[in-house]
Amino acid sequence: MKKHTLDPRKLMVVIAIALIAISILLVWNTKNNTQLSRNGVETTAVISNLKRDYRRVNEMADIWIDTYIIEYQFTVDTDTILGVSLLRAEELDVYFKDLPELRDKVNIRYDSTNVYHSQLVRRIEL
């Protein structure tokens, strides 16, 4: 029977590639969010769908996550745009005074050069 061994050089290459990919994604996400907060257009949207997802992270751990998936619609010129935000339950008070419900109005910010890039506006600035 042949025993499998882990080649340290291959492992280092995989780790380096993963770190580079994660770094690129973080920089890209930070750049997009910074651009959106500086140059975004603020408007009002209506919550079109709201789903709570409360589930166990995995079978081995007794850790639960509580998230809300909030879909909202807003109009730019004559186009109706659908946006989605995923929030942890403990973040809700940063964005909403009360628990959000269907057809509630929310403030959002979208990128004027790419209207499909939008996010909820924080009610409380951190």
Protein backbone atom coordinates (compact mmCIF):
# COMPACT_ATOMS: atom_id res chain seq x y z
CA MET A 1 0.00 0.00 0.00
CA LYS A 2 1.39 3.37 -1.03
CA LYS A 3 1.26 6.13 1.55
CA HIS A 4 0.31 9.57 0.28
CA THR A 5 2.54 12.42 1.33
CA LEU A 6 1.86 16.10 1.06
CA ASP A 7 4.37 17.99 -1.03
CA PRO A 8 5.22 21.18 0.94
CA ARG A 9 6.02 23.13 -2.24
CA LYS A 10 2.65 22.37 -3.80
CA LEU A 11 0.93 23.30 -0.55
CA MET A 12 2.78 26.64 -0.45
CA VAL A 13 1.77 27.39 -4.06
CA VAL A 14 -1.89 26.64 -3.31
CA ILE A 15 -1.80 28.82 -0.18
CA ALA A 16 -0.10 31.66 -2.07
CA ILE A 17 -2.67 31.54 -4.89
CA ALA A 18 -5.52 31.50 -2.38
CA LEU A 19 -4.09 34.50 -0.50
CA ILE A 20 -3.62 36.44 -3.74
CA ALA A 21 -7.20 35.68 -4.84
CA ILE A 22 -8.62 36.72 -1.47
CA SER A 23 -6.56 39.93 -1.51
CA ILE A 24 -7.79 40.84 -4.99
CA LEU A 25 -11.41 40.24 -3.97
CA LEU A 26 -11.03 42.35 -0.83
CA VAL A 27 -9.45 45.25 -2.73
CA TRP A 28 -12.11 45.08 -5.46
CA ASN A 29 -14.96 44.97 -2.93
CA THR A 30 -13.50 47.85 -0.89
CA LYS A 31 -13.00 49.94 -4.04
CA ASN A 32 -16.59 49.34 -5.19
CA ASN A 33 -18.07 50.16 -1.78
CA THR A 34 -15.94 53.29 -1.45
CA GLN A 35 -16.99 54.46 -4.92
CA LEU A 36 -20.62 53.73 -4.10
CA SER A 37 -20.54 55.66 -0.83
CA ARG A 38 -18.81 58.67 -2.46
CA ASN A 39 -20.52 58.85 -5.84
CA GLY A 40 -23.71 56.89 -5.28
CA VAL A 41 -27.14 58.31 -5.85
CA GLU A 42 -29.44 58.00 -2.88
CA THR A 43 -33.09 57.14 -3.46
CA THR A 44 -36.02 55.30 -1.93
CA ALA A 45 -36.81 51.66 -2.65
CA VAL A 46 -39.64 49.37 -1.63
CA ILE A 47 -39.05 45.99 0.02
CA SER A 48 -40.48 43.41 -2.38
CA ASN A 49 -39.43 40.24 -0.58
CA LEU A 50 -38.17 39.49 2.89
CA LYS A 51 -36.90 36.14 4.08
CA ARG A 52 -35.45 35.16 7.44
CA ASP A 53 -32.89 32.37 7.42
CA TYR A 54 -32.27 30.89 10.85
CA ARG A 55 -30.26 27.70 10.70
CA ARG A 56 -27.46 25.70 12.21
CA VAL A 57 -24.01 26.33 10.72
CA ASN A 58 -23.18 22.63 10.66
CA GLU A 59 -24.12 19.39 12.35
CA MET A 60 -21.00 19.23 14.50
CA ALA A 61 -21.24 22.64 16.12
CA ASP A 62 -24.14 24.10 18.04
CA ILE A 63 -23.76 27.44 16.28
CA TRP A 64 -26.73 29.09 14.62
CA ILE A 65 -26.86 31.97 12.14
CA ASP A 66 -29.76 34.38 11.86
CA THR A 67 -29.84 36.37 8.62
CA TYR A 68 -32.36 38.35 6.63
CA ILE A 69 -32.44 38.40 2.84
CA ILE A 70 -34.01 41.69 1.79
CA GLU A 71 -35.04 42.23 -1.83
CA TYR A 72 -35.99 45.75 -2.83
CA GLN A 73 -37.09 47.50 -6.00
CA PHE A 74 -36.33 51.01 -7.14
CA THR A 75 -36.81 52.95 -10.35
CA VAL A 76 -34.12 54.65 -12.39
CA ASP A 77 -35.48 56.59 -15.35
CA THR A 78 -38.07 54.09 -16.64
CA ASP A 79 -36.31 50.92 -15.50
CA THR A 80 -37.29 48.99 -12.37
CA ILE A 81 -34.19 47.60 -10.68
CA LEU A 82 -34.12 44.74 -8.19
CA GLY A 83 -31.52 44.84 -5.42
CA VAL A 84 -30.71 42.33 -2.70
CA SER A 85 -29.04 42.75 0.68
CA LEU A 86 -28.09 40.06 3.15
CA LEU A 87 -27.97 41.24 6.75
CA ARG A 88 -27.22 39.46 9.99
CA ALA A 89 -29.99 39.86 12.57
CA GLU A 90 -27.69 41.86 14.85
CA GLU A 91 -27.13 44.40 12.04
CA LEU A 92 -30.81 45.23 11.52
CA ASP A 93 -30.86 48.14 13.98
CA VAL A 94 -28.10 49.84 11.97
CA TYR A 95 -30.38 49.94 8.93
CA PHE A 96 -33.92 49.91 10.38
CA LYS A 97 -35.69 51.49 13.32
CA ASP A 98 -38.16 48.56 13.51
CA LEU A 99 -38.15 45.09 12.01
CA PRO A 100 -38.61 45.53 8.24
CA GLU A 101 -41.78 44.32 6.55
CA LEU A 102 -42.96 43.86 2.98
CA ARG A 103 -43.71 47.11 1.13
CA ASP A 104 -41.71 49.19 3.65
CA LYS A 105 -39.73 52.00 2.10
CA VAL A 106 -35.96 51.91 2.56
CA ASN A 107 -33.16 54.26 1.63
CA ILE A 108 -30.65 52.82 -0.79
CA ARG A 109 -27.64 54.08 -2.68
CA TYR A 110 -26.85 52.97 -6.24
CA ASP A 111 -23.97 53.58 -8.62
CA SER A 112 -25.05 55.90 -11.43
CA THR A 113 -22.69 54.16 -13.85
CA ASN A 114 -23.99 50.69 -12.90
CA VAL A 115 -27.49 50.88 -11.43
CA TYR A 116 -27.42 47.18 -10.54
CA HIS A 117 -24.77 47.93 -7.91
CA SER A 118 -26.71 49.14 -4.89
CA GLN A 119 -26.83 48.82 -1.14
CA LEU A 120 -28.98 49.79 1.79
CA VAL A 121 -28.10 53.09 3.45
CA ARG A 122 -27.17 52.86 7.10
CA ARG A 123 -29.54 54.65 9.43
CA ILE A 124 -26.75 54.95 11.99
CA GLU A 125 -23.31 55.98 10.76
CA LEU A 126 -20.59 54.00 12.48
